Structures are given as structure tokens and as C-alpha cells.
Amino acid sequence: LNYDKHALWGVSHWGRKHQQFYGFAVNRKSALDVYSKRRIIAVTDLKIVKWHNYKHLDWISESKAT
């Protein structure tokens, strides 16, 4: 089967490797990470992906004019 179908179903092929790969970044703040140092004041652009069946996507962009 295709990997995309497994990802859609939530089947993990990583197991322990996935935990080791992401384990180092848990609960650490980066000096370059905007989310750990700064507050988000406003959202200016929003993209929404909507799934239709398996292979069709709708990209919807919302922009706030100021």
C-alpha cells in the first residue's frame, strides 16, 4: 500500500525511531523560535486545506486587508 494511505489511516511505520527522532526537541526553547519568545499579535493570512475523497484538495486562502 501507499505510504500516504497509511498516514491518512494513522498507521505508524516509525515506532521507536520516531520517538528518538523527536525526543530531543521536547520542552526546549529555541532562541530563533518565534513562538517561544514572542506573542502572536494578529493573523494576517490563513490557509485551509479541505479533503475531498482521496486525491482532491481545495486550498482556500483568507487575507485580511489593513
PDB file of N, CA and C in Angstrom:
ATOM      1  N   LEU A   1       0.827  -1.194   0.000  1.00  0.00           N
ATOM      2  CA  LEU A   1       0.000   0.000   0.000  1.00  0.00           C
ATOM      3  C   LEU A   1       0.864   1.248   0.000  1.00  0.00           C
ATOM      4  N   ASN A   2       0.255   2.303  -0.370  1.00  0.00           N
ATOM      5  CA  ASN A   2       0.943   3.580  -0.456  1.00  0.00           C
ATOM      6  C   ASN A   2       1.161   4.171   0.944  1.00  0.00           C
ATOM      7  N   TYR A   3       2.276   4.854   1.142  1.00  0.00           N
ATOM      8  CA  TYR A   3       2.560   5.468   2.440  1.00  0.00           C
ATOM      9  C   TYR A   3       1.516   6.531   2.792  1.00  0.00           C
ATOM     10  N   ASP A   4       1.031   7.271   1.780  1.00  0.00           N
ATOM     11  CA  ASP A   4       0.035   8.306   2.043  1.00  0.00           C
ATOM     12  C   ASP A   4      -1.241   7.720   2.635  1.00  0.00           C
ATOM     13  N   LYS A   5      -1.650   6.545   2.161  1.00  0.00           N
ATOM     14  CA  LYS A   5      -2.838   5.906   2.720  1.00  0.00           C
ATOM     15  C   LYS A   5      -2.601   5.506   4.170  1.00  0.00           C
ATOM     16  N   HIS A   6      -1.408   5.003   4.462  1.00  0.00           N
ATOM     17  CA  HIS A   6      -1.099   4.641   5.845  1.00  0.00           C
ATOM     18  C   HIS A   6      -1.094   5.876   6.740  1.00  0.00           C
ATOM     19  N   ALA A   7      -0.538   6.977   6.237  1.00  0.00           N
ATOM     20  CA  ALA A   7      -0.528   8.209   7.022  1.00  0.00           C
ATOM     21  C   ALA A   7      -1.945   8.712   7.258  1.00  0.00           C
ATOM     22  N   LEU A   8      -2.799   8.584   6.245  1.00  0.00           N
ATOM     23  CA  LEU A   8      -4.190   9.002   6.380  1.00  0.00           C
ATOM     24  C   LEU A   8      -4.918   8.159   7.419  1.00  0.00           C
ATOM     25  N   TRP A   9      -4.612   6.865   7.472  1.00  0.00           N
ATOM     26  CA  TRP A   9      -5.253   5.964   8.427  1.00  0.00           C
ATOM     27  C   TRP A   9      -4.633   6.056   9.814  1.00  0.00           C
ATOM     28  N   GLY A  10      -3.479   6.711   9.943  1.00  0.00           N
ATOM     29  CA  GLY A  10      -2.819   6.843  11.231  1.00  0.00           C
ATOM     30  C   GLY A  10      -1.912   5.686  11.578  1.00  0.00           C
ATOM     31  N   VAL A  11      -1.486   4.905  10.580  1.00  0.00           N
ATOM     32  CA  VAL A  11      -0.592   3.773  10.815  1.00  0.00           C
ATOM     33  C   VAL A  11       0.839   4.294  10.870  1.00  0.00           C
ATOM     34  N   SER A  12       1.551   3.985  11.930  1.00  0.00           N
ATOM     35  CA  SER A  12       2.921   4.451  12.094  1.00  0.00           C
ATOM     36  C   SER A  12       3.906   3.369  11.694  1.00  0.00           C
ATOM     37  N   HIS A  13       4.868   3.737  10.863  1.00  0.00           N
ATOM     38  CA  HIS A  13       5.928   2.816  10.472  1.00  0.00           C
ATOM     39  C   HIS A  13       7.229   3.108  11.221  1.00  0.00           C
ATOM     40  N   TRP A  14       7.232   4.174  12.008  1.00  0.00           N
ATOM     41  CA  TRP A  14       8.454   4.586  12.687  1.00  0.00           C
ATOM     42  C   TRP A  14       8.669   3.832  13.989  1.00  0.00           C
ATOM     43  N   GLY A  15       7.651   3.741  14.812  1.00  0.00           N
ATOM     44  CA  GLY A  15       7.791   3.083  16.105  1.00  0.00           C
ATOM     45  C   GLY A  15       8.751   3.821  17.014  1.00  0.00           C
ATOM     46  N   ARG A  16       9.739   3.109  17.542  1.00  0.00           N
ATOM     47  CA  ARG A  16      10.703   3.676  18.486  1.00  0.00           C
ATOM     48  C   ARG A  16      11.590   4.741  17.839  1.00  0.00           C
ATOM     49  N   LYS A  17      11.899   4.588  16.557  1.00  0.00           N
ATOM     50  CA  LYS A  17      12.738   5.573  15.867  1.00  0.00           C
ATOM     51  C   LYS A  17      12.079   6.947  15.866  1.00  0.00           C
ATOM     52  N   HIS A  18      10.763   6.982  15.722  1.00  0.00           N
ATOM     53  CA  HIS A  18      10.034   8.245  15.730  1.00  0.00           C
ATOM     54  C   HIS A  18      10.194   8.949  17.075  1.00  0.00           C
ATOM     55  N   GLN A  19      10.103   8.200  18.166  1.00  0.00           N
ATOM     56  CA  GLN A  19      10.260   8.780  19.491  1.00  0.00           C
ATOM     57  C   GLN A  19      11.680   9.293  19.697  1.00  0.00           C
ATOM     58  N   GLN A  20      12.674   8.565  19.216  1.00  0.00           N
ATOM     59  CA  GLN A  20      14.053   9.001  19.368  1.00  0.00           C
ATOM     60  C   GLN A  20      14.333  10.234  18.524  1.00  0.00           C
ATOM     61  N   PHE A  21      13.734  10.303  17.334  1.00  0.00           N
ATOM     62  CA  PHE A  21      13.980  11.419  16.431  1.00  0.00           C
ATOM     63  C   PHE A  21      13.428  12.724  16.994  1.00  0.00           C
ATOM     64  N   TYR A  22      12.218  12.675  17.571  1.00  0.00           N
ATOM     65  CA  TYR A  22      11.590  13.881  18.088  1.00  0.00           C
ATOM     66  C   TYR A  22      11.824  14.104  19.576  1.00  0.00           C
ATOM     67  N   GLY A  23      12.406  13.156  20.262  1.00  0.00           N
ATOM     68  CA  GLY A  23      12.568  13.262  21.701  1.00  0.00           C
ATOM     69  C   GLY A  23      13.495  14.363  22.152  1.00  0.00           C
ATOM     70  N   PHE A  24      14.485  14.729  21.328  1.00  0.00           N
ATOM     71  CA  PHE A  24      15.460  15.723  21.746  1.00  0.00           C
ATOM     72  C   PHE A  24      14.868  17.129  21.802  1.00  0.00           C
ATOM     73  N   ALA A  25      13.794  17.396  21.055  1.00  0.00           N
ATOM     74  CA  ALA A  25      13.255  18.750  20.964  1.00  0.00           C
ATOM     75  C   ALA A  25      12.117  19.024  21.947  1.00  0.00           C
ATOM     76  N   VAL A  26      11.744  18.048  22.727  1.00  0.00           N
ATOM     77  CA  VAL A  26      10.612  18.224  23.630  1.00  0.00           C
ATOM     78  C   VAL A  26      11.000  19.137  24.790  1.00  0.00           C
ATOM     79  N   ASN A  27      10.158  20.090  25.098  1.00  0.00           N
ATOM     80  CA  ASN A  27      10.316  21.022  26.226  1.00  0.00           C
ATOM     81  C   ASN A  27      11.584  21.866  26.155  1.00  0.00           C
ATOM     82  N   ARG A  28      12.035  22.171  24.959  1.00  0.00           N
ATOM     83  CA  ARG A  28      13.188  23.057  24.807  1.00  0.00           C
ATOM     84  C   ARG A  28      12.773  24.290  24.031  1.00  0.00           C
ATOM     85  N   LYS A  29      13.308  25.424  24.412  1.00  0.00           N
ATOM     86  CA  LYS A  29      13.005  26.668  23.719  1.00  0.00           C
ATOM     87  C   LYS A  29      14.209  27.084  22.881  1.00  0.00           C
ATOM     88  N   SER A  30      13.932  27.452  21.666  1.00  0.00           N
ATOM     89  CA  SER A  30      14.982  27.883  20.760  1.00  0.00           C
ATOM     90  C   SER A  30      15.063  29.404  20.768  1.00  0.00           C
ATOM     91  N   ALA A  31      16.262  29.948  20.605  1.00  0.00           N
ATOM     92  CA  ALA A  31      16.437  31.391  20.525  1.00  0.00           C
ATOM     93  C   ALA A  31      15.840  31.948  19.239  1.00  0.00           C
ATOM     94  N   LEU A  32      15.726  31.107  18.214  1.00  0.00           N
ATOM     95  CA  LEU A  32      15.192  31.551  16.928  1.00  0.00           C
ATOM     96  C   LEU A  32      13.708  31.245  16.768  1.00  0.00           C
ATOM     97  N   ASP A  33      13.111  30.578  17.729  1.00  0.00           N
ATOM     98  CA  ASP A  33      11.714  30.178  17.631  1.00  0.00           C
ATOM     99  C   ASP A  33      10.808  31.329  18.050  1.00  0.00           C
ATOM    100  N   VAL A  34      10.027  31.837  17.109  1.00  0.00           N
ATOM    101  CA  VAL A  34       9.167  32.990  17.396  1.00  0.00           C
ATOM    102  C   VAL A  34       8.069  32.634  18.392  1.00  0.00           C
ATOM    103  N   TYR A  35       7.633  31.385  18.436  1.00  0.00           N
ATOM    104  CA  TYR A  35       6.543  31.001  19.324  1.00  0.00           C
ATOM    105  C   TYR A  35       6.983  30.923  20.783  1.00  0.00           C
ATOM    106  N   SER A  36       8.252  30.653  21.044  1.00  0.00           N
ATOM    107  CA  SER A  36       8.703  30.551  22.423  1.00  0.00           C
ATOM    108  C   SER A  36       9.135  31.898  22.997  1.00  0.00           C
ATOM    109  N   LYS A  37       9.400  32.883  22.148  1.00  0.00           N
ATOM    110  CA  LYS A  37       9.899  34.175  22.618  1.00  0.00           C
ATOM    111  C   LYS A  37       8.908  35.326  22.456  1.00  0.00           C
ATOM    112  N   ARG A  38       8.041  35.253  21.462  1.00  0.00           N
ATOM    113  CA  ARG A  38       7.171  36.375  21.143  1.00  0.00           C
ATOM    114  C   ARG A  38       5.703  35.952  21.149  1.00  0.00           C
ATOM    115  N   ARG A  39       4.843  36.906  21.386  1.00  0.00           N
ATOM    116  CA  ARG A  39       3.409  36.659  21.286  1.00  0.00           C
ATOM    117  C   ARG A  39       2.946  36.973  19.869  1.00  0.00           C
ATOM    118  N   ILE A  40       1.954  36.230  19.426  1.00  0.00           N
ATOM    119  CA  ILE A  40       1.374  36.494  18.116  1.00  0.00           C
ATOM    120  C   ILE A  40       0.307  37.569  18.294  1.00  0.00           C
ATOM    121  N   ILE A  41       0.479  38.687  17.590  1.00  0.00           N
ATOM    122  CA  ILE A  41      -0.439  39.818  17.736  1.00  0.00           C
ATOM    123  C   ILE A  41      -1.674  39.646  16.857  1.00  0.00           C
ATOM    124  N   ALA A  42      -1.463  39.280  15.584  1.00  0.00           N
ATOM    125  CA  ALA A  42      -2.593  39.159  14.661  1.00  0.00           C
ATOM    126  C   ALA A  42      -2.286  38.122  13.602  1.00  0.00           C
ATOM    127  N   VAL A  43      -3.324  37.498  13.098  1.00  0.00           N
ATOM    128  CA  VAL A  43      -3.192  36.562  11.983  1.00  0.00           C
ATOM    129  C   VAL A  43      -3.551  37.322  10.717  1.00  0.00           C
ATOM    130  N   THR A  44      -2.618  37.364   9.755  1.00  0.00           N
ATOM    131  CA  THR A  44      -2.859  38.121   8.527  1.00  0.00           C
ATOM    132  C   THR A  44      -3.179  37.232   7.344  1.00  0.00           C
ATOM    133  N   ASP A  45      -2.828  35.953   7.403  1.00  0.00           N
ATOM    134  CA  ASP A  45      -3.082  35.049   6.282  1.00  0.00           C
ATOM    135  C   ASP A  45      -3.447  33.685   6.844  1.00  0.00           C
ATOM    136  N   LEU A  46      -4.483  33.074   6.292  1.00  0.00           N
ATOM    137  CA  LEU A  46      -4.949  31.780   6.763  1.00  0.00           C
ATOM    138  C   LEU A  46      -5.188  30.882   5.568  1.00  0.00           C
ATOM    139  N   LYS A  47      -4.612  29.684   5.601  1.00  0.00           N
ATOM    140  CA  LYS A  47      -4.808  28.722   4.521  1.00  0.00           C
ATOM    141  C   LYS A  47      -5.505  27.489   5.078  1.00  0.00           C
ATOM    142  N   ILE A  48      -6.572  27.082   4.425  1.00  0.00           N
ATOM    143  CA  ILE A  48      -7.356  25.926   4.847  1.00  0.00           C
ATOM    144  C   ILE A  48      -7.309  24.886   3.741  1.00  0.00           C
ATOM    145  N   VAL A  49      -7.003  23.657   4.114  1.00  0.00           N
ATOM    146  CA  VAL A  49      -6.984  22.559   3.151  1.00  0.00           C
ATOM    147  C   VAL A  49      -8.189  21.676   3.437  1.00  0.00           C
ATOM    148  N   LYS A  50      -8.991  21.439   2.432  1.00  0.00           N
ATOM    149  CA  LYS A  50     -10.180  20.611   2.592  1.00  0.00           C
ATOM    150  C   LYS A  50     -10.039  19.372   1.722  1.00  0.00           C
ATOM    151  N   TRP A  51     -10.180  18.198   2.323  1.00  0.00           N
ATOM    152  CA  TRP A  51     -10.039  16.931   1.605  1.00  0.00           C
ATOM    153  C   TRP A  51     -11.362  16.541   0.968  1.00  0.00           C
ATOM    154  N   HIS A  52     -11.303  16.166  -0.294  1.00  0.00           N
ATOM    155  CA  HIS A  52     -12.446  15.591  -0.996  1.00  0.00           C
ATOM    156  C   HIS A  52     -12.002  14.231  -1.508  1.00  0.00           C
ATOM    157  N   ASN A  53     -12.612  13.175  -1.015  1.00  0.00           N
ATOM    158  CA  ASN A  53     -12.216  11.804  -1.343  1.00  0.00           C
ATOM    159  C   ASN A  53     -10.755  11.609  -0.977  1.00  0.00           C
ATOM    160  N   TYR A  54      -9.923  11.125  -1.897  1.00  0.00           N
ATOM    161  CA  TYR A  54      -8.537  10.841  -1.547  1.00  0.00           C
ATOM    162  C   TYR A  54      -7.540  11.743  -2.259  1.00  0.00           C
ATOM    163  N   LYS A  55      -7.804  12.107  -3.514  1.00  0.00           N
ATOM    164  CA  LYS A  55      -6.776  12.800  -4.282  1.00  0.00           C
ATOM    165  C   LYS A  55      -7.090  14.261  -4.584  1.00  0.00           C
ATOM    166  N   HIS A  56      -8.182  14.795  -4.100  1.00  0.00           N
ATOM    167  CA  HIS A  56      -8.553  16.161  -4.450  1.00  0.00           C
ATOM    168  C   HIS A  56      -8.487  17.057  -3.222  1.00  0.00           C
ATOM    169  N   LEU A  57      -7.805  18.177  -3.361  1.00  0.00           N
ATOM    170  CA  LEU A  57      -7.682  19.145  -2.274  1.00  0.00           C
ATOM    171  C   LEU A  57      -8.200  20.499  -2.728  1.00  0.00           C
ATOM    172  N   ASP A  58      -8.825  21.230  -1.826  1.00  0.00           N
ATOM    173  CA  ASP A  58      -9.191  22.621  -2.068  1.00  0.00           C
ATOM    174  C   ASP A  58      -8.333  23.489  -1.159  1.00  0.00           C
ATOM    175  N   TRP A  59      -7.619  24.426  -1.745  1.00  0.00           N
ATOM    176  CA  TRP A  59      -6.829  25.381  -0.968  1.00  0.00           C
ATOM    177  C   TRP A  59      -7.616  26.677  -0.896  1.00  0.00           C
ATOM    178  N   ILE A  60      -7.924  27.112   0.287  1.00  0.00           N
ATOM    179  CA  ILE A  60      -8.687  28.330   0.493  1.00  0.00           C
ATOM    180  C   ILE A  60      -7.794  29.305   1.248  1.00  0.00           C
ATOM    181  N   SER A  61      -7.584  30.473   0.684  1.00  0.00           N
ATOM    182  CA  SER A  61      -6.753  31.482   1.334  1.00  0.00           C
ATOM    183  C   SER A  61      -7.612  32.658   1.766  1.00  0.00           C
ATOM    184  N   GLU A  62      -7.419  33.086   2.991  1.00  0.00           N
ATOM    185  CA  GLU A  62      -8.113  34.250   3.525  1.00  0.00           C
ATOM    186  C   GLU A  62      -7.063  35.284   3.888  1.00  0.00           C
ATOM    187  N   SER A  63      -7.219  36.486   3.395  1.00  0.00           N
ATOM    188  CA  SER A  63      -6.297  37.566   3.733  1.00  0.00           C
ATOM    189  C   SER A  63      -7.076  38.729   4.319  1.00  0.00           C
ATOM    190  N   LYS A  64      -6.517  39.319   5.348  1.00  0.00           N
ATOM    191  CA  LYS A  64      -7.152  40.466   5.979  1.00  0.00           C
ATOM    192  C   LYS A  64      -6.483  41.730   5.463  1.00  0.00           C
ATOM    193  N   ALA A  65      -7.245  42.566   4.816  1.00  0.00           N
ATOM    194  CA  ALA A  65      -6.708  43.823   4.291  1.00  0.00           C
ATOM    195  C   ALA A  65      -6.694  44.860   5.408  1.00  0.00           C
ATOM    196  N   THR A  66      -5.552  45.523   5.564  1.00  0.00           N
ATOM    197  CA  THR A  66      -5.450  46.553   6.607  1.00  0.00           C
ATOM    198  C   THR A  66      -5.175  47.893   5.996  1.00  0.00           C
TER     199      THR A  66
END
